[in-house]
mmCIF file of all heavy atoms, coordinates in Angstrom:
data_MODEL
# 
_entry.id   MODEL 
# 
loop_
_atom_site.group_PDB 
_atom_site.id 
_atom_site.type_symbol 
_atom_site.label_atom_id 
_atom_site.label_alt_id 
_atom_site.label_comp_id 
_atom_site.label_asym_id 
_atom_site.label_entity_id 
_atom_site.label_seq_id 
_atom_site.pdbx_PDB_ins_code 
_atom_site.Cartn_x 
_atom_site.Cartn_y 
_atom_site.Cartn_z 
_atom_site.occupancy 
_atom_site.B_iso_or_equiv 
_atom_site.pdbx_formal_charge 
_atom_site.auth_seq_id 
_atom_site.auth_comp_id 
_atom_site.auth_asym_id 
_atom_site.auth_atom_id 
_atom_site.pdbx_PDB_model_num 
ATOM 1   N N   . ASP A 1 1  ? 77.014 25.457 7.744  1.00 0.00 ? 1  ASP A N   1 
ATOM 2   C CA  . ASP A 1 1  ? 78.236 24.770 8.133  1.00 0.00 ? 1  ASP A CA  1 
ATOM 3   C C   . ASP A 1 1  ? 79.321 25.806 8.391  1.00 0.00 ? 1  ASP A C   1 
ATOM 4   O O   . ASP A 1 1  ? 79.210 26.973 7.988  1.00 0.00 ? 1  ASP A O   1 
ATOM 5   C CB  . ASP A 1 1  ? 78.676 23.781 7.055  1.00 0.00 ? 1  ASP A CB  1 
ATOM 6   C CG  . ASP A 1 1  ? 79.612 22.713 7.601  1.00 0.00 ? 1  ASP A CG  1 
ATOM 7   O OD1 . ASP A 1 1  ? 79.827 22.683 8.828  1.00 0.00 ? 1  ASP A OD1 1 
ATOM 8   O OD2 . ASP A 1 1  ? 80.124 21.900 6.806  1.00 0.00 ? 1  ASP A OD2 1 
ATOM 9   N N   . VAL A 1 2  ? 80.357 25.376 9.049  1.00 0.00 ? 2  VAL A N   1 
ATOM 10  C CA  . VAL A 1 2  ? 81.408 26.275 9.522  1.00 0.00 ? 2  VAL A CA  1 
ATOM 11  C C   . VAL A 1 2  ? 82.009 27.146 8.421  1.00 0.00 ? 2  VAL A C   1 
ATOM 12  O O   . VAL A 1 2  ? 82.081 28.372 8.571  1.00 0.00 ? 2  VAL A O   1 
ATOM 13  C CB  . VAL A 1 2  ? 82.518 25.471 10.233 1.00 0.00 ? 2  VAL A CB  1 
ATOM 14  C CG1 . VAL A 1 2  ? 83.685 26.363 10.602 1.00 0.00 ? 2  VAL A CG1 1 
ATOM 15  C CG2 . VAL A 1 2  ? 81.965 24.801 11.472 1.00 0.00 ? 2  VAL A CG2 1 
ATOM 16  N N   . PRO A 1 3  ? 82.473 26.593 7.292  1.00 0.00 ? 3  PRO A N   1 
ATOM 17  C CA  . PRO A 1 3  ? 83.154 27.439 6.293  1.00 0.00 ? 3  PRO A CA  1 
ATOM 18  C C   . PRO A 1 3  ? 82.298 28.594 5.791  1.00 0.00 ? 3  PRO A C   1 
ATOM 19  O O   . PRO A 1 3  ? 82.795 29.715 5.649  1.00 0.00 ? 3  PRO A O   1 
ATOM 20  C CB  . PRO A 1 3  ? 83.481 26.450 5.165  1.00 0.00 ? 3  PRO A CB  1 
ATOM 21  C CG  . PRO A 1 3  ? 83.524 25.113 5.819  1.00 0.00 ? 3  PRO A CG  1 
ATOM 22  C CD  . PRO A 1 3  ? 82.484 25.173 6.887  1.00 0.00 ? 3  PRO A CD  1 
ATOM 23  N N   . GLN A 1 4  ? 81.017 28.325 5.529  1.00 0.00 ? 4  GLN A N   1 
ATOM 24  C CA  . GLN A 1 4  ? 80.156 29.371 4.976  1.00 0.00 ? 4  GLN A CA  1 
ATOM 25  C C   . GLN A 1 4  ? 79.765 30.403 6.038  1.00 0.00 ? 4  GLN A C   1 
ATOM 26  O O   . GLN A 1 4  ? 79.684 31.595 5.746  1.00 0.00 ? 4  GLN A O   1 
ATOM 27  C CB  . GLN A 1 4  ? 78.888 28.754 4.370  1.00 0.00 ? 4  GLN A CB  1 
ATOM 28  C CG  . GLN A 1 4  ? 79.118 27.950 3.116  1.00 0.00 ? 4  GLN A CG  1 
ATOM 29  C CD  . GLN A 1 4  ? 79.694 26.576 3.398  1.00 0.00 ? 4  GLN A CD  1 
ATOM 30  O OE1 . GLN A 1 4  ? 79.417 25.998 4.433  1.00 0.00 ? 4  GLN A OE1 1 
ATOM 31  N NE2 . GLN A 1 4  ? 80.505 26.057 2.472  1.00 0.00 ? 4  GLN A NE2 1 
ATOM 32  N N   . VAL A 1 5  ? 79.502 29.952 7.259  1.00 0.00 ? 5  VAL A N   1 
ATOM 33  C CA  . VAL A 1 5  ? 79.088 30.878 8.321  1.00 0.00 ? 5  VAL A CA  1 
ATOM 34  C C   . VAL A 1 5  ? 80.222 31.819 8.685  1.00 0.00 ? 5  VAL A C   1 
ATOM 35  O O   . VAL A 1 5  ? 80.013 33.026 8.878  1.00 0.00 ? 5  VAL A O   1 
ATOM 36  C CB  . VAL A 1 5  ? 78.596 30.093 9.557  1.00 0.00 ? 5  VAL A CB  1 
ATOM 37  C CG1 . VAL A 1 5  ? 78.318 31.050 10.722 1.00 0.00 ? 5  VAL A CG1 1 
ATOM 38  C CG2 . VAL A 1 5  ? 77.343 29.298 9.227  1.00 0.00 ? 5  VAL A CG2 1 
ATOM 39  N N   . ILE A 1 6  ? 81.430 31.306 8.773  1.00 0.00 ? 6  ILE A N   1 
ATOM 40  C CA  . ILE A 1 6  ? 82.576 32.134 9.154  1.00 0.00 ? 6  ILE A CA  1 
ATOM 41  C C   . ILE A 1 6  ? 82.798 33.270 8.150  1.00 0.00 ? 6  ILE A C   1 
ATOM 42  O O   . ILE A 1 6  ? 83.180 34.377 8.531  1.00 0.00 ? 6  ILE A O   1 
ATOM 43  C CB  . ILE A 1 6  ? 83.840 31.259 9.279  1.00 0.00 ? 6  ILE A CB  1 
ATOM 44  C CG1 . ILE A 1 6  ? 83.819 30.502 10.600 1.00 0.00 ? 6  ILE A CG1 1 
ATOM 45  C CG2 . ILE A 1 6  ? 85.112 32.089 9.192  1.00 0.00 ? 6  ILE A CG2 1 
ATOM 46  C CD1 . ILE A 1 6  ? 85.039 29.679 10.866 1.00 0.00 ? 6  ILE A CD1 1 
ATOM 47  N N   . LYS A 1 7  ? 82.550 32.997 6.877  1.00 0.00 ? 7  LYS A N   1 
ATOM 48  C CA  . LYS A 1 7  ? 82.771 34.028 5.852  1.00 0.00 ? 7  LYS A CA  1 
ATOM 49  C C   . LYS A 1 7  ? 81.908 35.268 6.063  1.00 0.00 ? 7  LYS A C   1 
ATOM 50  O O   . LYS A 1 7  ? 82.248 36.354 5.584  1.00 0.00 ? 7  LYS A O   1 
ATOM 51  C CB  . LYS A 1 7  ? 82.464 33.449 4.461  1.00 0.00 ? 7  LYS A CB  1 
ATOM 52  C CG  . LYS A 1 7  ? 83.464 32.426 3.980  1.00 0.00 ? 7  LYS A CG  1 
ATOM 53  C CD  . LYS A 1 7  ? 82.999 31.852 2.651  1.00 0.00 ? 7  LYS A CD  1 
ATOM 54  C CE  . LYS A 1 7  ? 83.897 30.702 2.219  1.00 0.00 ? 7  LYS A CE  1 
ATOM 55  N NZ  . LYS A 1 7  ? 83.388 30.029 1.009  1.00 0.00 ? 7  LYS A NZ  1 
ATOM 56  N N   . LEU A 1 8  ? 80.783 35.133 6.751  1.00 0.00 ? 8  LEU A N   1 
ATOM 57  C CA  . LEU A 1 8  ? 79.856 36.247 6.933  1.00 0.00 ? 8  LEU A CA  1 
ATOM 58  C C   . LEU A 1 8  ? 80.159 37.081 8.178  1.00 0.00 ? 8  LEU A C   1 
ATOM 59  O O   . LEU A 1 8  ? 79.474 38.079 8.422  1.00 0.00 ? 8  LEU A O   1 
ATOM 60  C CB  . LEU A 1 8  ? 78.413 35.714 7.023  1.00 0.00 ? 8  LEU A CB  1 
ATOM 61  C CG  . LEU A 1 8  ? 77.920 34.917 5.811  1.00 0.00 ? 8  LEU A CG  1 
ATOM 62  C CD1 . LEU A 1 8  ? 76.482 34.483 6.016  1.00 0.00 ? 8  LEU A CD1 1 
ATOM 63  C CD2 . LEU A 1 8  ? 78.054 35.739 4.532  1.00 0.00 ? 8  LEU A CD2 1 
ATOM 64  N N   . ALA A 1 9  ? 81.167 36.702 8.942  1.00 0.00 ? 9  ALA A N   1 
ATOM 65  C CA  . ALA A 1 9  ? 81.499 37.460 10.157 1.00 0.00 ? 9  ALA A CA  1 
ATOM 66  C C   . ALA A 1 9  ? 82.091 38.821 9.798  1.00 0.00 ? 9  ALA A C   1 
ATOM 67  O O   . ALA A 1 9  ? 82.841 38.959 8.826  1.00 0.00 ? 9  ALA A O   1 
ATOM 68  C CB  . ALA A 1 9  ? 82.481 36.673 11.010 1.00 0.00 ? 9  ALA A CB  1 
ATOM 69  N N   . CYS A 1 10 ? 81.751 39.818 10.600 1.00 0.00 ? 10 CYS A N   1 
ATOM 70  C CA  . CYS A 1 10 ? 82.227 41.189 10.360 1.00 0.00 ? 10 CYS A CA  1 
ATOM 71  C C   . CYS A 1 10 ? 83.518 41.455 11.129 1.00 0.00 ? 10 CYS A C   1 
ATOM 72  O O   . CYS A 1 10 ? 83.625 42.441 11.888 1.00 0.00 ? 10 CYS A O   1 
ATOM 73  C CB  . CYS A 1 10 ? 81.153 42.191 10.778 1.00 0.00 ? 10 CYS A CB  1 
ATOM 74  S SG  . CYS A 1 10 ? 79.593 41.961 9.949  1.00 0.00 ? 10 CYS A SG  1 
ATOM 75  N N   . THR A 1 11 ? 84.469 40.583 10.983 1.00 0.00 ? 11 THR A N   1 
ATOM 76  C CA  . THR A 1 11 ? 85.751 40.745 11.661 1.00 0.00 ? 11 THR A CA  1 
ATOM 77  C C   . THR A 1 11 ? 86.782 39.854 10.983 1.00 0.00 ? 11 THR A C   1 
ATOM 78  O O   . THR A 1 11 ? 86.448 39.020 10.132 1.00 0.00 ? 11 THR A O   1 
ATOM 79  C CB  . THR A 1 11 ? 85.630 40.370 13.158 1.00 0.00 ? 11 THR A CB  1 
ATOM 80  O OG1 . THR A 1 11 ? 86.855 40.672 13.832 1.00 0.00 ? 11 THR A OG1 1 
ATOM 81  C CG2 . THR A 1 11 ? 85.337 38.890 13.330 1.00 0.00 ? 11 THR A CG2 1 
ATOM 82  N N   . ASP A 1 12 ? 88.026 40.010 11.364 1.00 0.00 ? 12 ASP A N   1 
ATOM 83  C CA  . ASP A 1 12 ? 89.086 39.163 10.827 1.00 0.00 ? 12 ASP A CA  1 
ATOM 84  C C   . ASP A 1 12 ? 88.948 37.768 11.445 1.00 0.00 ? 12 ASP A C   1 
ATOM 85  O O   . ASP A 1 12 ? 88.980 37.613 12.668 1.00 0.00 ? 12 ASP A O   1 
ATOM 86  C CB  . ASP A 1 12 ? 90.452 39.765 11.171 1.00 0.00 ? 12 ASP A CB  1 
ATOM 87  C CG  . ASP A 1 12 ? 91.598 38.934 10.610 1.00 0.00 ? 12 ASP A CG  1 
ATOM 88  O OD1 . ASP A 1 12 ? 91.343 38.133 9.686  1.00 0.00 ? 12 ASP A OD1 1 
ATOM 89  O OD2 . ASP A 1 12 ? 92.738 39.074 11.107 1.00 0.00 ? 12 ASP A OD2 1 
ATOM 90  N N   . THR A 1 13 ? 88.794 36.761 10.608 1.00 0.00 ? 13 THR A N   1 
ATOM 91  C CA  . THR A 1 13 ? 88.535 35.393 11.101 1.00 0.00 ? 13 THR A CA  1 
ATOM 92  C C   . THR A 1 13 ? 89.726 34.460 10.906 1.00 0.00 ? 13 THR A C   1 
ATOM 93  O O   . THR A 1 13 ? 89.567 33.239 10.986 1.00 0.00 ? 13 THR A O   1 
ATOM 94  C CB  . THR A 1 13 ? 87.314 34.807 10.365 1.00 0.00 ? 13 THR A CB  1 
ATOM 95  O OG1 . THR A 1 13 ? 87.583 34.789 8.947  1.00 0.00 ? 13 THR A OG1 1 
ATOM 96  C CG2 . THR A 1 13 ? 86.066 35.612 10.637 1.00 0.00 ? 13 THR A CG2 1 
ATOM 97  N N   . PHE A 1 14 ? 90.910 35.016 10.677 1.00 0.00 ? 14 PHE A N   1 
ATOM 98  C CA  . PHE A 1 14 ? 92.072 34.177 10.381 1.00 0.00 ? 14 PHE A CA  1 
ATOM 99  C C   . PHE A 1 14 ? 92.367 33.199 11.519 1.00 0.00 ? 14 PHE A C   1 
ATOM 100 O O   . PHE A 1 14 ? 92.532 31.993 11.295 1.00 0.00 ? 14 PHE A O   1 
ATOM 101 C CB  . PHE A 1 14 ? 93.298 35.053 10.123 1.00 0.00 ? 14 PHE A CB  1 
ATOM 102 C CG  . PHE A 1 14 ? 94.560 34.270 9.876  1.00 0.00 ? 14 PHE A CG  1 
ATOM 103 C CD1 . PHE A 1 14 ? 94.765 33.619 8.668  1.00 0.00 ? 14 PHE A CD1 1 
ATOM 104 C CD2 . PHE A 1 14 ? 95.535 34.166 10.863 1.00 0.00 ? 14 PHE A CD2 1 
ATOM 105 C CE1 . PHE A 1 14 ? 95.926 32.877 8.449  1.00 0.00 ? 14 PHE A CE1 1 
ATOM 106 C CE2 . PHE A 1 14 ? 96.696 33.432 10.648 1.00 0.00 ? 14 PHE A CE2 1 
ATOM 107 C CZ  . PHE A 1 14 ? 96.887 32.780 9.434  1.00 0.00 ? 14 PHE A CZ  1 
ATOM 108 N N   . VAL A 1 15 ? 92.383 33.688 12.754 1.00 0.00 ? 15 VAL A N   1 
ATOM 109 C CA  . VAL A 1 15 ? 92.683 32.836 13.910 1.00 0.00 ? 15 VAL A CA  1 
ATOM 110 C C   . VAL A 1 15 ? 91.584 31.800 14.104 1.00 0.00 ? 15 VAL A C   1 
ATOM 111 O O   . VAL A 1 15 ? 91.862 30.616 14.367 1.00 0.00 ? 15 VAL A O   1 
ATOM 112 C CB  . VAL A 1 15 ? 92.858 33.687 15.185 1.00 0.00 ? 15 VAL A CB  1 
ATOM 113 C CG1 . VAL A 1 15 ? 93.049 32.788 16.401 1.00 0.00 ? 15 VAL A CG1 1 
ATOM 114 C CG2 . VAL A 1 15 ? 94.043 34.635 15.040 1.00 0.00 ? 15 VAL A CG2 1 
ATOM 115 N N   . VAL A 1 16 ? 90.340 32.239 13.963 1.00 0.00 ? 16 VAL A N   1 
ATOM 116 C CA  . VAL A 1 16 ? 89.216 31.315 14.130 1.00 0.00 ? 16 VAL A CA  1 
ATOM 117 C C   . VAL A 1 16 ? 89.264 30.219 13.064 1.00 0.00 ? 16 VAL A C   1 
ATOM 118 O O   . VAL A 1 16 ? 89.021 29.042 13.354 1.00 0.00 ? 16 VAL A O   1 
ATOM 119 C CB  . VAL A 1 16 ? 87.877 32.073 14.059 1.00 0.00 ? 16 VAL A CB  1 
ATOM 120 C CG1 . VAL A 1 16 ? 86.701 31.099 14.141 1.00 0.00 ? 16 VAL A CG1 1 
ATOM 121 C CG2 . VAL A 1 16 ? 87.788 33.099 15.168 1.00 0.00 ? 16 VAL A CG2 1 
ATOM 122 N N   . GLU A 1 17 ? 89.607 30.588 11.835 1.00 0.00 ? 17 GLU A N   1 
ATOM 123 C CA  . GLU A 1 17 ? 89.709 29.598 10.759 1.00 0.00 ? 17 GLU A CA  1 
ATOM 124 C C   . GLU A 1 17 ? 90.793 28.574 11.068 1.00 0.00 ? 17 GLU A C   1 
ATOM 125 O O   . GLU A 1 17 ? 90.601 27.374 10.837 1.00 0.00 ? 17 GLU A O   1 
ATOM 126 C CB  . GLU A 1 17 ? 89.997 30.291 9.428  1.00 0.00 ? 17 GLU A CB  1 
ATOM 127 C CG  . GLU A 1 17 ? 88.811 31.028 8.849  1.00 0.00 ? 17 GLU A CG  1 
ATOM 128 C CD  . GLU A 1 17 ? 89.098 31.578 7.463  1.00 0.00 ? 17 GLU A CD  1 
ATOM 129 O OE1 . GLU A 1 17 ? 89.875 30.946 6.726  1.00 0.00 ? 17 GLU A OE1 1 
ATOM 130 O OE2 . GLU A 1 17 ? 88.551 32.632 7.120  1.00 0.00 ? 17 GLU A OE2 1 
ATOM 131 N N   . LEU A 1 18 ? 91.923 29.027 11.591 1.00 0.00 ? 18 LEU A N   1 
ATOM 132 C CA  . LEU A 1 18 ? 92.989 28.094 11.960 1.00 0.00 ? 18 LEU A CA  1 
ATOM 133 C C   . LEU A 1 18 ? 92.523 27.134 13.046 1.00 0.00 ? 18 LEU A C   1 
ATOM 134 O O   . LEU A 1 18 ? 92.795 25.928 12.985 1.00 0.00 ? 18 LEU A O   1 
ATOM 135 C CB  . LEU A 1 18 ? 94.223 28.865 12.445 1.00 0.00 ? 18 LEU A CB  1 
ATOM 136 C CG  . LEU A 1 18 ? 95.062 29.579 11.382 1.00 0.00 ? 18 LEU A CG  1 
ATOM 137 C CD1 . LEU A 1 18 ? 96.245 30.276 12.030 1.00 0.00 ? 18 LEU A CD1 1 
ATOM 138 C CD2 . LEU A 1 18 ? 95.555 28.583 10.327 1.00 0.00 ? 18 LEU A CD2 1 
ATOM 139 N N   . LEU A 1 19 ? 91.802 27.658 14.041 1.00 0.00 ? 19 LEU A N   1 
ATOM 140 C CA  . LEU A 1 19 ? 91.290 26.811 15.120 1.00 0.00 ? 19 LEU A CA  1 
ATOM 141 C C   . LEU A 1 19 ? 90.274 25.811 14.590 1.00 0.00 ? 19 LEU A C   1 
ATOM 142 O O   . LEU A 1 19 ? 90.244 24.649 15.014 1.00 0.00 ? 19 LEU A O   1 
ATOM 143 C CB  . LEU A 1 19 ? 90.666 27.677 16.215 1.00 0.00 ? 19 LEU A CB  1 
ATOM 144 C CG  . LEU A 1 19 ? 91.637 28.552 17.012 1.00 0.00 ? 19 LEU A CG  1 
ATOM 145 C CD1 . LEU A 1 19 ? 90.879 29.484 17.950 1.00 0.00 ? 19 LEU A CD1 1 
ATOM 146 C CD2 . LEU A 1 19 ? 92.607 27.681 17.814 1.00 0.00 ? 19 LEU A CD2 1 
ATOM 147 N N   . MET A 1 20 ? 89.435 26.267 13.654 1.00 0.00 ? 20 MET A N   1 
ATOM 148 C CA  . MET A 1 20 ? 88.440 25.378 13.066 1.00 0.00 ? 20 MET A CA  1 
ATOM 149 C C   . MET A 1 20 ? 89.096 24.278 12.238 1.00 0.00 ? 20 MET A C   1 
ATOM 150 O O   . MET A 1 20 ? 88.689 23.113 12.284 1.00 0.00 ? 20 MET A O   1 
ATOM 151 C CB  . MET A 1 20 ? 87.479 26.185 12.184 1.00 0.00 ? 20 MET A CB  1 
ATOM 152 C CG  . MET A 1 20 ? 86.558 27.119 12.954 1.00 0.00 ? 20 MET A CG  1 
ATOM 153 S SD  . MET A 1 20 ? 85.368 26.202 13.949 1.00 0.00 ? 20 MET A SD  1 
ATOM 154 C CE  . MET A 1 20 ? 84.272 27.531 14.450 1.00 0.00 ? 20 MET A CE  1 
ATOM 155 N N   . VAL A 1 21 ? 90.094 24.650 11.459 1.00 0.00 ? 21 VAL A N   1 
ATOM 156 C CA  . VAL A 1 21 ? 90.808 23.657 10.654 1.00 0.00 ? 21 VAL A CA  1 
ATOM 157 C C   . VAL A 1 21 ? 91.480 22.630 11.565 1.00 0.00 ? 21 VAL A C   1 
ATOM 158 O O   . VAL A 1 21 ? 91.474 21.424 11.280 1.00 0.00 ? 21 VAL A O   1 
ATOM 159 C CB  . VAL A 1 21 ? 91.850 24.340 9.740  1.00 0.00 ? 21 VAL A CB  1 
ATOM 160 C CG1 . VAL A 1 21 ? 92.781 23.304 9.119  1.00 0.00 ? 21 VAL A CG1 1 
ATOM 161 C CG2 . VAL A 1 21 ? 91.155 25.133 8.640  1.00 0.00 ? 21 VAL A CG2 1 
ATOM 162 N N   . PHE A 1 22 ? 92.028 23.101 12.671 1.00 0.00 ? 22 PHE A N   1 
ATOM 163 C CA  . PHE A 1 22 ? 92.665 22.182 13.627 1.00 0.00 ? 22 PHE A CA  1 
ATOM 164 C C   . PHE A 1 22 ? 91.623 21.265 14.264 1.00 0.00 ? 22 PHE A C   1 
ATOM 165 O O   . PHE A 1 22 ? 91.827 20.052 14.371 1.00 0.00 ? 22 PHE A O   1 
ATOM 166 C CB  . PHE A 1 22 ? 93.393 22.980 14.713 1.00 0.00 ? 22 PHE A CB  1 
ATOM 167 C CG  . PHE A 1 22 ? 93.991 22.114 15.785 1.00 0.00 ? 22 PHE A CG  1 
ATOM 168 C CD1 . PHE A 1 22 ? 95.181 21.438 15.575 1.00 0.00 ? 22 PHE A CD1 1 
ATOM 169 C CD2 . PHE A 1 22 ? 93.359 21.960 17.005 1.00 0.00 ? 22 PHE A CD2 1 
ATOM 170 C CE1 . PHE A 1 22 ? 95.734 20.626 16.563 1.00 0.00 ? 22 PHE A CE1 1 
ATOM 171 C CE2 . PHE A 1 22 ? 93.896 21.163 17.999 1.00 0.00 ? 22 PHE A CE2 1 
ATOM 172 C CZ  . PHE A 1 22 ? 95.085 20.494 17.769 1.00 0.00 ? 22 PHE A CZ  1 
ATOM 173 N N   . ASN A 1 23 ? 90.493 21.837 14.689 1.00 0.00 ? 23 ASN A N   1 
ATOM 174 C CA  . ASN A 1 23 ? 89.467 21.068 15.394 1.00 0.00 ? 23 ASN A CA  1 
ATOM 175 C C   . ASN A 1 23 ? 88.761 20.075 14.476 1.00 0.00 ? 23 ASN A C   1 
ATOM 176 O O   . ASN A 1 23 ? 88.425 18.967 14.897 1.00 0.00 ? 23 ASN A O   1 
ATOM 177 C CB  . ASN A 1 23 ? 88.435 22.017 16.013 1.00 0.00 ? 23 ASN A CB  1 
ATOM 178 C CG  . ASN A 1 23 ? 87.403 21.289 16.866 1.00 0.00 ? 23 ASN A CG  1 
ATOM 179 O OD1 . ASN A 1 23 ? 87.732 20.367 17.592 1.00 0.00 ? 23 ASN A OD1 1 
ATOM 180 N ND2 . ASN A 1 23 ? 86.155 21.685 16.754 1.00 0.00 ? 23 ASN A ND2 1 
ATOM 181 N N   . SER A 1 24 ? 88.522 20.461 13.234 1.00 0.00 ? 24 SER A N   1 
ATOM 182 C CA  . SER A 1 24 ? 87.808 19.575 12.305 1.00 0.00 ? 24 SER A CA  1 
ATOM 183 C C   . SER A 1 24 ? 88.757 18.894 11.325 1.00 0.00 ? 24 SER A C   1 
ATOM 184 O O   . SER A 1 24 ? 88.817 17.667 11.252 1.00 0.00 ? 24 SER A O   1 
ATOM 185 C CB  . SER A 1 24 ? 86.756 20.372 11.523 1.00 0.00 ? 24 SER A CB  1 
ATOM 186 O OG  . SER A 1 24 ? 85.684 20.714 12.337 1.00 0.00 ? 24 SER A OG  1 
ATOM 187 N N   . GLY A 1 25 ? 89.513 19.710 10.585 1.00 0.00 ? 25 GLY A N   1 
ATOM 188 C CA  . GLY A 1 25 ? 90.323 19.172 9.509  1.00 0.00 ? 25 GLY A CA  1 
ATOM 189 C C   . GLY A 1 25 ? 91.458 18.278 9.962  1.00 0.00 ? 25 GLY A C   1 
ATOM 190 O O   . GLY A 1 25 ? 91.603 17.140 9.496  1.00 0.00 ? 25 GLY A O   1 
ATOM 191 N N   . LEU A 1 26 ? 92.267 18.781 10.893 1.00 0.00 ? 26 LEU A N   1 
ATOM 192 C CA  . LEU A 1 26 ? 93.437 18.013 11.321 1.00 0.00 ? 26 LEU A CA  1 
ATOM 193 C C   . LEU A 1 26 ? 93.039 16.735 12.048 1.00 0.00 ? 26 LEU A C   1 
ATOM 194 O O   . LEU A 1 26 ? 93.609 15.666 11.807 1.00 0.00 ? 26 LEU A O   1 
ATOM 195 C CB  . LEU A 1 26 ? 94.332 18.886 12.213 1.00 0.00 ? 26 LEU A CB  1 
ATOM 196 C CG  . LEU A 1 26 ? 95.653 18.250 12.659 1.00 0.00 ? 26 LEU A CG  1 
ATOM 197 C CD1 . LEU A 1 26 ? 96.504 17.877 11.458 1.00 0.00 ? 26 LEU A CD1 1 
ATOM 198 C CD2 . LEU A 1 26 ? 96.427 19.192 13.577 1.00 0.00 ? 26 LEU A CD2 1 
ATOM 199 N N   . LEU A 1 27 ? 92.037 16.843 12.925 1.00 0.00 ? 27 LEU A N   1 
ATOM 200 C CA  . LEU A 1 27 ? 91.588 15.658 13.641 1.00 0.00 ? 27 LEU A CA  1 
ATOM 201 C C   . LEU A 1 27 ? 90.986 14.628 12.689 1.00 0.00 ? 27 LEU A C   1 
ATOM 202 O O   . LEU A 1 27 ? 91.197 13.424 12.853 1.00 0.00 ? 27 LEU A O   1 
ATOM 203 C CB  . LEU A 1 27 ? 90.560 16.055 14.708 1.00 0.00 ? 27 LEU A CB  1 
ATOM 204 C CG  . LEU A 1 27 ? 91.102 16.811 15.928 1.00 0.00 ? 27 LEU A CG  1 
ATOM 205 C CD1 . LEU A 1 27 ? 89.977 17.149 16.888 1.00 0.00 ? 27 LEU A CD1 1 
ATOM 206 C CD2 . LEU A 1 27 ? 92.176 15.993 16.643 1.00 0.00 ? 27 LEU A CD2 1 
# 
C-alpha cells in the first residue's frame, strides 16, 4: 500500500506524500 511503499524510496518523498494525502486522504 502507498504509505509503506513510499517509505522505502531513496529520495525525499515530502511532496509525493502531500500529493498522496490529497488524492486519497482529502478526497
